[in-house]
């Protein structure tokens, strides 16, 4: 986990790093984008970076996946327990 991620876990409004969008603001923007994508397709393909995945885990209430490699593919799908995340 990066030091900024640790700080953001403690304070979602953290803006210690110049030019870094606060976690809470990013999450709000991300939710709007996913909601918009779902108006075109119920199960959109989302291409993003680790920060997006970290926030998606938070929103779906699943343990966060930290520092997923840039080239890794994940499939997130509903399950009887909530959500499953599997590496493809």
PDB file of N, CA and C in Angstrom:
ATOM      1  N   UNK A   1       0.852  -1.169   0.000  1.00  0.00           N
ATOM      2  CA  UNK A   1       0.000   0.000   0.000  1.00  0.00           C
ATOM      3  C   UNK A   1       0.900   1.235   0.000  1.00  0.00           C
ATOM      4  N   UNK A   2       0.553   2.194  -0.831  1.00  0.00           N
ATOM      5  CA  UNK A   2       1.298   3.445  -0.887  1.00  0.00           C
ATOM      6  C   UNK A   2       0.948   4.312   0.316  1.00  0.00           C
ATOM      7  N   UNK A   3       1.848   5.219   0.682  1.00  0.00           N
ATOM      8  CA  UNK A   3       1.595   6.076   1.852  1.00  0.00           C
ATOM      9  C   UNK A   3       0.348   6.929   1.654  1.00  0.00           C
ATOM     10  N   UNK A   4       0.104   7.403   0.427  1.00  0.00           N
ATOM     11  CA  UNK A   4      -1.095   8.204   0.171  1.00  0.00           C
ATOM     12  C   UNK A   4      -2.357   7.376   0.408  1.00  0.00           C
ATOM     13  N   UNK A   5      -2.342   6.120  -0.017  1.00  0.00           N
ATOM     14  CA  UNK A   5      -3.508   5.254   0.201  1.00  0.00           C
ATOM     15  C   UNK A   5      -3.783   5.084   1.688  1.00  0.00           C
ATOM     16  N   UNK A   6      -2.727   4.939   2.486  1.00  0.00           N
ATOM     17  CA  UNK A   6      -2.904   4.819   3.943  1.00  0.00           C
ATOM     18  C   UNK A   6      -3.570   6.069   4.509  1.00  0.00           C
ATOM     19  N   UNK A   7      -3.081   7.229   4.073  1.00  0.00           N
ATOM     20  CA  UNK A   7      -3.652   8.494   4.546  1.00  0.00           C
ATOM     21  C   UNK A   7      -5.120   8.613   4.134  1.00  0.00           C
ATOM     22  N   UNK A   8      -5.420   8.200   2.909  1.00  0.00           N
ATOM     23  CA  UNK A   8      -6.796   8.307   2.415  1.00  0.00           C
ATOM     24  C   UNK A   8      -7.743   7.372   3.157  1.00  0.00           C
ATOM     25  N   UNK A   9      -7.252   6.217   3.586  1.00  0.00           N
ATOM     26  CA  UNK A   9      -8.092   5.315   4.368  1.00  0.00           C
ATOM     27  C   UNK A   9      -8.493   5.971   5.686  1.00  0.00           C
ATOM     28  N   UNK A  10      -7.572   6.719   6.257  1.00  0.00           N
ATOM     29  CA  UNK A  10      -7.847   7.405   7.521  1.00  0.00           C
ATOM     30  C   UNK A  10      -8.703   8.648   7.317  1.00  0.00           C
ATOM     31  N   UNK A  11      -8.490   9.353   6.194  1.00  0.00           N
ATOM     32  CA  UNK A  11      -9.218  10.594   5.922  1.00  0.00           C
ATOM     33  C   UNK A  11      -9.542  10.680   4.436  1.00  0.00           C
ATOM     34  N   UNK A  12     -10.785  10.335   4.022  1.00  0.00           N
ATOM     35  CA  UNK A  12     -11.157  10.364   2.606  1.00  0.00           C
ATOM     36  C   UNK A  12     -11.042  11.744   1.954  1.00  0.00           C
ATOM     37  N   UNK A  13     -10.956  12.805   2.747  1.00  0.00           N
ATOM     38  CA  UNK A  13     -10.816  14.155   2.193  1.00  0.00           C
ATOM     39  C   UNK A  13      -9.346  14.573   2.070  1.00  0.00           C
ATOM     40  N   UNK A  14      -8.441  13.662   2.368  1.00  0.00           N
ATOM     41  CA  UNK A  14      -7.007  13.940   2.349  1.00  0.00           C
ATOM     42  C   UNK A  14      -6.571  14.479   0.990  1.00  0.00           C
ATOM     43  N   UNK A  15      -5.828  15.580   0.998  1.00  0.00           N
ATOM     44  CA  UNK A  15      -5.289  16.150  -0.240  1.00  0.00           C
ATOM     45  C   UNK A  15      -3.826  16.540  -0.040  1.00  0.00           C
ATOM     46  N   UNK A  16      -3.064  15.694   0.625  1.00  0.00           N
ATOM     47  CA  UNK A  16      -1.662  16.004   0.919  1.00  0.00           C
ATOM     48  C   UNK A  16      -0.798  16.151  -0.328  1.00  0.00           C
ATOM     49  N   UNK A  17      -1.111  15.396  -1.356  1.00  0.00           N
ATOM     50  CA  UNK A  17      -0.269  15.407  -2.550  1.00  0.00           C
ATOM     51  C   UNK A  17      -0.814  16.418  -3.557  1.00  0.00           C
ATOM     52  N   UNK A  18       0.058  17.264  -4.080  1.00  0.00           N
ATOM     53  CA  UNK A  18      -0.348  18.285  -5.043  1.00  0.00           C
ATOM     54  C   UNK A  18      -0.898  17.627  -6.313  1.00  0.00           C
ATOM     55  N   UNK A  19      -2.061  18.077  -6.739  1.00  0.00           N
ATOM     56  CA  UNK A  19      -2.657  17.583  -7.973  1.00  0.00           C
ATOM     57  C   UNK A  19      -3.423  16.282  -7.837  1.00  0.00           C
ATOM     58  N   UNK A  20      -3.496  15.722  -6.625  1.00  0.00           N
ATOM     59  CA  UNK A  20      -4.222  14.467  -6.421  1.00  0.00           C
ATOM     60  C   UNK A  20      -5.637  14.792  -5.962  1.00  0.00           C
ATOM     61  N   UNK A  21      -6.605  14.280  -6.692  1.00  0.00           N
ATOM     62  CA  UNK A  21      -8.012  14.487  -6.357  1.00  0.00           C
ATOM     63  C   UNK A  21      -8.346  13.767  -5.055  1.00  0.00           C
ATOM     64  N   UNK A  22      -9.059  14.407  -4.134  1.00  0.00           N
ATOM     65  CA  UNK A  22      -9.444  13.719  -2.896  1.00  0.00           C
ATOM     66  C   UNK A  22     -10.236  12.447  -3.195  1.00  0.00           C
ATOM     67  N   UNK A  23     -10.026  11.448  -2.382  1.00  0.00           N
ATOM     68  CA  UNK A  23     -10.660  10.139  -2.578  1.00  0.00           C
ATOM     69  C   UNK A  23     -12.182  10.254  -2.673  1.00  0.00           C
ATOM     70  N   UNK A  24     -12.793  11.027  -1.789  1.00  0.00           N
ATOM     71  CA  UNK A  24     -14.252  11.166  -1.791  1.00  0.00           C
ATOM     72  C   UNK A  24     -14.747  11.794  -3.094  1.00  0.00           C
ATOM     73  N   UNK A  25     -14.031  12.786  -3.607  1.00  0.00           N
ATOM     74  CA  UNK A  25     -14.417  13.428  -4.867  1.00  0.00           C
ATOM     75  C   UNK A  25     -14.261  12.451  -6.029  1.00  0.00           C
ATOM     76  N   UNK A  26     -13.175  11.695  -6.026  1.00  0.00           N
ATOM     77  CA  UNK A  26     -12.961  10.701  -7.080  1.00  0.00           C
ATOM     78  C   UNK A  26     -14.067   9.654  -7.063  1.00  0.00           C
ATOM     79  N   UNK A  27     -14.437   9.189  -5.867  1.00  0.00           N
ATOM     80  CA  UNK A  27     -15.487   8.178  -5.743  1.00  0.00           C
ATOM     81  C   UNK A  27     -16.806   8.704  -6.315  1.00  0.00           C
ATOM     82  N   UNK A  28     -17.152   9.938  -5.990  1.00  0.00           N
ATOM     83  CA  UNK A  28     -18.389  10.540  -6.501  1.00  0.00           C
ATOM     84  C   UNK A  28     -18.366  10.599  -8.023  1.00  0.00           C
ATOM     85  N   UNK A  29     -17.248  11.039  -8.588  1.00  0.00           N
ATOM     86  CA  UNK A  29     -17.114  11.133 -10.048  1.00  0.00           C
ATOM     87  C   UNK A  29     -17.169   9.754 -10.690  1.00  0.00           C
ATOM     88  N   UNK A  30     -16.551   8.774 -10.050  1.00  0.00           N
ATOM     89  CA  UNK A  30     -16.541   7.409 -10.569  1.00  0.00           C
ATOM     90  C   UNK A  30     -17.952   6.820 -10.582  1.00  0.00           C
ATOM     91  N   UNK A  31     -18.706   7.012  -9.505  1.00  0.00           N
ATOM     92  CA  UNK A  31     -20.078   6.493  -9.438  1.00  0.00           C
ATOM     93  C   UNK A  31     -20.929   7.102 -10.547  1.00  0.00           C
ATOM     94  N   UNK A  32     -20.779   8.394 -10.794  1.00  0.00           N
ATOM     95  CA  UNK A  32     -21.520   9.046 -11.879  1.00  0.00           C
ATOM     96  C   UNK A  32     -21.162   8.422 -13.222  1.00  0.00           C
ATOM     97  N   UNK A  33     -19.874   8.165 -13.448  1.00  0.00           N
ATOM     98  CA  UNK A  33     -19.432   7.575 -14.710  1.00  0.00           C
ATOM     99  C   UNK A  33     -19.962   6.166 -14.913  1.00  0.00           C
ATOM    100  N   UNK A  34     -19.931   5.354 -13.870  1.00  0.00           N
ATOM    101  CA  UNK A  34     -20.447   3.982 -13.974  1.00  0.00           C
ATOM    102  C   UNK A  34     -21.953   4.005 -14.193  1.00  0.00           C
ATOM    103  N   UNK A  35     -22.651   4.895 -13.500  1.00  0.00           N
ATOM    104  CA  UNK A  35     -24.105   5.017 -13.690  1.00  0.00           C
ATOM    105  C   UNK A  35     -24.428   5.412 -15.124  1.00  0.00           C
ATOM    106  N   UNK A  36     -23.655   6.330 -15.680  1.00  0.00           N
ATOM    107  CA  UNK A  36     -23.855   6.730 -17.072  1.00  0.00           C
ATOM    108  C   UNK A  36     -23.594   5.555 -18.010  1.00  0.00           C
ATOM    109  N   UNK A  37     -22.521   4.807 -17.770  1.00  0.00           N
ATOM    110  CA  UNK A  37     -22.201   3.643 -18.613  1.00  0.00           C
ATOM    111  C   UNK A  37     -23.329   2.620 -18.576  1.00  0.00           C
ATOM    112  N   UNK A  38     -23.969   2.469 -17.414  1.00  0.00           N
ATOM    113  CA  UNK A  38     -25.050   1.487 -17.288  1.00  0.00           C
ATOM    114  C   UNK A  38     -26.317   1.915 -18.021  1.00  0.00           C
ATOM    115  N   UNK A  39     -26.410   3.155 -18.442  1.00  0.00           N
ATOM    116  CA  UNK A  39     -27.554   3.551 -19.272  1.00  0.00           C
ATOM    117  C   UNK A  39     -27.403   2.991 -20.682  1.00  0.00           C
ATOM    118  N   UNK A  40     -26.183   2.626 -21.065  1.00  0.00           N
ATOM    119  CA  UNK A  40     -25.923   2.048 -22.382  1.00  0.00           C
ATOM    120  C   UNK A  40     -25.894   0.527 -22.344  1.00  0.00           C
ATOM    121  N   UNK A  41     -25.436  -0.044 -21.230  1.00  0.00           N
ATOM    122  CA  UNK A  41     -25.366  -1.501 -21.088  1.00  0.00           C
ATOM    123  C   UNK A  41     -25.412  -1.834 -19.603  1.00  0.00           C
ATOM    124  N   UNK A  42     -26.209  -2.837 -19.240  1.00  0.00           N
ATOM    125  CA  UNK A  42     -26.376  -3.196 -17.831  1.00  0.00           C
ATOM    126  C   UNK A  42     -25.062  -3.620 -17.172  1.00  0.00           C
ATOM    127  N   UNK A  43     -24.194  -4.280 -17.936  1.00  0.00           N
ATOM    128  CA  UNK A  43     -22.916  -4.773 -17.410  1.00  0.00           C
ATOM    129  C   UNK A  43     -21.768  -4.172 -18.227  1.00  0.00           C
ATOM    130  N   UNK A  44     -21.400  -2.925 -17.948  1.00  0.00           N
ATOM    131  CA  UNK A  44     -20.363  -2.285 -18.759  1.00  0.00           C
ATOM    132  C   UNK A  44     -18.968  -2.842 -18.478  1.00  0.00           C
ATOM    133  N   UNK A  45     -18.128  -2.763 -19.482  1.00  0.00           N
ATOM    134  CA  UNK A  45     -16.711  -3.077 -19.325  1.00  0.00           C
ATOM    135  C   UNK A  45     -16.042  -1.818 -18.783  1.00  0.00           C
ATOM    136  N   UNK A  46     -15.347  -1.949 -17.686  1.00  0.00           N
ATOM    137  CA  UNK A  46     -14.683  -0.799 -17.077  1.00  0.00           C
ATOM    138  C   UNK A  46     -13.179  -1.011 -17.170  1.00  0.00           C
ATOM    139  N   UNK A  47     -12.509  -0.067 -17.788  1.00  0.00           N
ATOM    140  CA  UNK A  47     -11.052  -0.099 -17.882  1.00  0.00           C
ATOM    141  C   UNK A  47     -10.546   1.027 -16.993  1.00  0.00           C
ATOM    142  N   UNK A  48      -9.690   0.697 -16.057  1.00  0.00           N
ATOM    143  CA  UNK A  48      -9.229   1.728 -15.142  1.00  0.00           C
ATOM    144  C   UNK A  48      -7.914   1.360 -14.492  1.00  0.00           C
ATOM    145  N   UNK A  49      -7.538   2.171 -13.547  1.00  0.00           N
ATOM    146  CA  UNK A  49      -6.282   1.969 -12.821  1.00  0.00           C
ATOM    147  C   UNK A  49      -6.587   1.518 -11.397  1.00  0.00           C
ATOM    148  N   UNK A  50      -5.548   1.305 -10.630  1.00  0.00           N
ATOM    149  CA  UNK A  50      -5.703   0.769  -9.282  1.00  0.00           C
ATOM    150  C   UNK A  50      -6.576   1.604  -8.367  1.00  0.00           C
ATOM    151  N   UNK A  51      -6.515   2.903  -8.515  1.00  0.00           N
ATOM    152  CA  UNK A  51      -7.331   3.772  -7.661  1.00  0.00           C
ATOM    153  C   UNK A  51      -8.816   3.520  -7.912  1.00  0.00           C
ATOM    154  N   UNK A  52      -9.184   3.337  -9.174  1.00  0.00           N
ATOM    155  CA  UNK A  52     -10.578   3.041  -9.498  1.00  0.00           C
ATOM    156  C   UNK A  52     -10.988   1.709  -8.885  1.00  0.00           C
ATOM    157  N   UNK A  53     -10.158   0.712  -8.997  1.00  0.00           N
ATOM    158  CA  UNK A  53     -10.479  -0.604  -8.436  1.00  0.00           C
ATOM    159  C   UNK A  53     -10.594  -0.525  -6.916  1.00  0.00           C
ATOM    160  N   UNK A  54      -9.705   0.213  -6.294  1.00  0.00           N
ATOM    161  CA  UNK A  54      -9.740   0.387  -4.842  1.00  0.00           C
ATOM    162  C   UNK A  54     -11.086   0.977  -4.412  1.00  0.00           C
ATOM    163  N   UNK A  55     -11.540   2.008  -5.111  1.00  0.00           N
ATOM    164  CA  UNK A  55     -12.819   2.643  -4.785  1.00  0.00           C
ATOM    165  C   UNK A  55     -13.997   1.740  -5.119  1.00  0.00           C
ATOM    166  N   UNK A  56     -13.890   0.992  -6.203  1.00  0.00           N
ATOM    167  CA  UNK A  56     -14.962   0.063  -6.571  1.00  0.00           C
ATOM    168  C   UNK A  56     -15.134  -0.998  -5.485  1.00  0.00           C
ATOM    169  N   UNK A  57     -14.037  -1.489  -4.948  1.00  0.00           N
ATOM    170  CA  UNK A  57     -14.118  -2.448  -3.836  1.00  0.00           C
ATOM    171  C   UNK A  57     -14.827  -1.819  -2.644  1.00  0.00           C
ATOM    172  N   UNK A  58     -14.520  -0.571  -2.353  1.00  0.00           N
ATOM    173  CA  UNK A  58     -15.157   0.130  -1.240  1.00  0.00           C
ATOM    174  C   UNK A  58     -16.665   0.231  -1.475  1.00  0.00           C
ATOM    175  N   UNK A  59     -17.057   0.623  -2.674  1.00  0.00           N
ATOM    176  CA  UNK A  59     -18.476   0.787  -3.007  1.00  0.00           C
ATOM    177  C   UNK A  59     -19.217  -0.543  -2.927  1.00  0.00           C
ATOM    178  N   UNK A  60     -18.586  -1.622  -3.392  1.00  0.00           N
ATOM    179  CA  UNK A  60     -19.220  -2.944  -3.403  1.00  0.00           C
ATOM    180  C   UNK A  60     -19.096  -3.658  -2.062  1.00  0.00           C
ATOM    181  N   UNK A  61     -18.409  -3.044  -1.113  1.00  0.00           N
ATOM    182  CA  UNK A  61     -18.218  -3.605   0.226  1.00  0.00           C
ATOM    183  C   UNK A  61     -17.501  -4.956   0.182  1.00  0.00           C
ATOM    184  N   UNK A  62     -16.411  -4.988  -0.585  1.00  0.00           N
ATOM    185  CA  UNK A  62     -15.551  -6.171  -0.629  1.00  0.00           C
ATOM    186  C   UNK A  62     -14.154  -5.743  -0.170  1.00  0.00           C
ATOM    187  N   UNK A  63     -13.351  -6.668   0.358  1.00  0.00           N
ATOM    188  CA  UNK A  63     -11.996  -6.289   0.782  1.00  0.00           C
ATOM    189  C   UNK A  63     -11.217  -5.688  -0.388  1.00  0.00           C
ATOM    190  N   UNK A  64     -10.501  -4.604  -0.152  1.00  0.00           N
ATOM    191  CA  UNK A  64      -9.792  -3.945  -1.251  1.00  0.00           C
ATOM    192  C   UNK A  64      -8.655  -4.795  -1.806  1.00  0.00           C
ATOM    193  N   UNK A  65      -8.507  -4.735  -3.107  1.00  0.00           N
ATOM    194  CA  UNK A  65      -7.366  -5.358  -3.776  1.00  0.00           C
ATOM    195  C   UNK A  65      -6.327  -4.264  -3.940  1.00  0.00           C
ATOM    196  N   UNK A  66      -5.205  -4.437  -3.327  1.00  0.00           N
ATOM    197  CA  UNK A  66      -4.183  -3.406  -3.352  1.00  0.00           C
ATOM    198  C   UNK A  66      -3.161  -3.677  -4.448  1.00  0.00           C
ATOM    199  N   UNK A  67      -2.833  -2.650  -5.173  1.00  0.00           N
ATOM    200  CA  UNK A  67      -1.770  -2.655  -6.170  1.00  0.00           C
ATOM    201  C   UNK A  67      -1.872  -3.823  -7.148  1.00  0.00           C
ATOM    202  N   UNK A  68      -2.996  -3.909  -7.828  1.00  0.00           N
ATOM    203  CA  UNK A  68      -3.168  -4.889  -8.895  1.00  0.00           C
ATOM    204  C   UNK A  68      -2.267  -4.461 -10.048  1.00  0.00           C
ATOM    205  N   UNK A  69      -1.592  -5.413 -10.668  1.00  0.00           N
ATOM    206  CA  UNK A  69      -0.678  -5.089 -11.763  1.00  0.00           C
ATOM    207  C   UNK A  69      -1.455  -4.462 -12.918  1.00  0.00           C
ATOM    208  N   UNK A  70      -0.795  -3.588 -13.668  1.00  0.00           N
ATOM    209  CA  UNK A  70      -1.452  -2.829 -14.729  1.00  0.00           C
ATOM    210  C   UNK A  70      -2.105  -3.690 -15.799  1.00  0.00           C
ATOM    211  N   UNK A  71      -1.568  -4.843 -16.067  1.00  0.00           N
ATOM    212  CA  UNK A  71      -2.074  -5.648 -17.176  1.00  0.00           C
ATOM    213  C   UNK A  71      -3.077  -6.711 -16.741  1.00  0.00           C
ATOM    214  N   UNK A  72      -3.420  -6.776 -15.486  1.00  0.00           N
ATOM    215  CA  UNK A  72      -4.295  -7.845 -15.003  1.00  0.00           C
ATOM    216  C   UNK A  72      -5.764  -7.548 -15.294  1.00  0.00           C
ATOM    217  N   UNK A  73      -6.476  -8.601 -15.687  1.00  0.00           N
ATOM    218  CA  UNK A  73      -7.908  -8.500 -15.941  1.00  0.00           C
ATOM    219  C   UNK A  73      -8.664  -9.103 -14.769  1.00  0.00           C
ATOM    220  N   UNK A  74      -9.714  -8.423 -14.366  1.00  0.00           N
ATOM    221  CA  UNK A  74     -10.548  -8.892 -13.266  1.00  0.00           C
ATOM    222  C   UNK A  74     -11.990  -8.972 -13.737  1.00  0.00           C
ATOM    223  N   UNK A  75     -12.706  -9.932 -13.211  1.00  0.00           N
ATOM    224  CA  UNK A  75     -14.140 -10.033 -13.471  1.00  0.00           C
ATOM    225  C   UNK A  75     -14.838  -9.873 -12.128  1.00  0.00           C
ATOM    226  N   UNK A  76     -15.716  -8.892 -12.048  1.00  0.00           N
ATOM    227  CA  UNK A  76     -16.476  -8.641 -10.828  1.00  0.00           C
ATOM    228  C   UNK A  76     -17.920  -8.999 -11.127  1.00  0.00           C
ATOM    229  N   UNK A  77     -18.455  -9.925 -10.329  1.00  0.00           N
ATOM    230  CA  UNK A  77     -19.820 -10.387 -10.609  1.00  0.00           C
ATOM    231  C   UNK A  77     -20.578 -10.601  -9.303  1.00  0.00           C
ATOM    232  N   UNK A  78     -21.913 -10.462  -9.363  1.00  0.00           N
ATOM    233  CA  UNK A  78     -22.712 -10.694  -8.156  1.00  0.00           C
ATOM    234  C   UNK A  78     -22.652 -12.156  -7.734  1.00  0.00           C
ATOM    235  N   UNK A  79     -22.752 -12.378  -6.429  1.00  0.00           N
ATOM    236  CA  UNK A  79     -22.787 -13.740  -5.897  1.00  0.00           C
ATOM    237  C   UNK A  79     -23.800 -13.782  -4.755  1.00  0.00           C
ATOM    238  N   UNK A  80     -23.997 -14.953  -4.208  1.00  0.00           N
ATOM    239  CA  UNK A  80     -24.943 -15.088  -3.094  1.00  0.00           C
ATOM    240  C   UNK A  80     -24.463 -14.339  -1.848  1.00  0.00           C
ATOM    241  N   UNK A  81     -23.155 -14.071  -1.778  1.00  0.00           N
ATOM    242  CA  UNK A  81     -22.574 -13.370  -0.626  1.00  0.00           C
ATOM    243  C   UNK A  81     -22.397 -11.875  -0.872  1.00  0.00           C
ATOM    244  N   UNK A  82     -22.743 -11.406  -2.042  1.00  0.00           N
ATOM    245  CA  UNK A  82     -22.548  -9.999  -2.399  1.00  0.00           C
ATOM    246  C   UNK A  82     -21.885  -9.891  -3.757  1.00  0.00           C
ATOM    247  N   UNK A  83     -20.555  -9.834  -3.767  1.00  0.00           N
ATOM    248  CA  UNK A  83     -19.795  -9.721  -5.010  1.00  0.00           C
ATOM    249  C   UNK A  83     -18.575 -10.619  -4.946  1.00  0.00           C
ATOM    250  N   UNK A  84     -18.217 -11.179  -6.098  1.00  0.00           N
ATOM    251  CA  UNK A  84     -16.984 -11.953  -6.237  1.00  0.00           C
ATOM    252  C   UNK A  84     -16.071 -11.228  -7.206  1.00  0.00           C
ATOM    253  N   UNK A  85     -14.802 -11.220  -6.898  1.00  0.00           N
ATOM    254  CA  UNK A  85     -13.793 -10.671  -7.798  1.00  0.00           C
ATOM    255  C   UNK A  85     -12.848 -11.799  -8.134  1.00  0.00           C
ATOM    256  N   UNK A  86     -12.695 -12.055  -9.419  1.00  0.00           N
ATOM    257  CA  UNK A  86     -11.774 -13.119  -9.838  1.00  0.00           C
ATOM    258  C   UNK A  86     -10.812 -12.581 -10.884  1.00  0.00           C
ATOM    259  N   UNK A  87      -9.582 -13.065 -10.826  1.00  0.00           N
ATOM    260  CA  UNK A  87      -8.592 -12.724 -11.844  1.00  0.00           C
ATOM    261  C   UNK A  87      -8.860 -13.590 -13.058  1.00  0.00           C
ATOM    262  N   UNK A  88      -8.876 -12.977 -14.226  1.00  0.00           N
ATOM    263  CA  UNK A  88      -9.160 -13.691 -15.473  1.00  0.00           C
ATOM    264  C   UNK A  88      -7.853 -14.162 -16.081  1.00  0.00           C
TER     265      UNK A  88
END
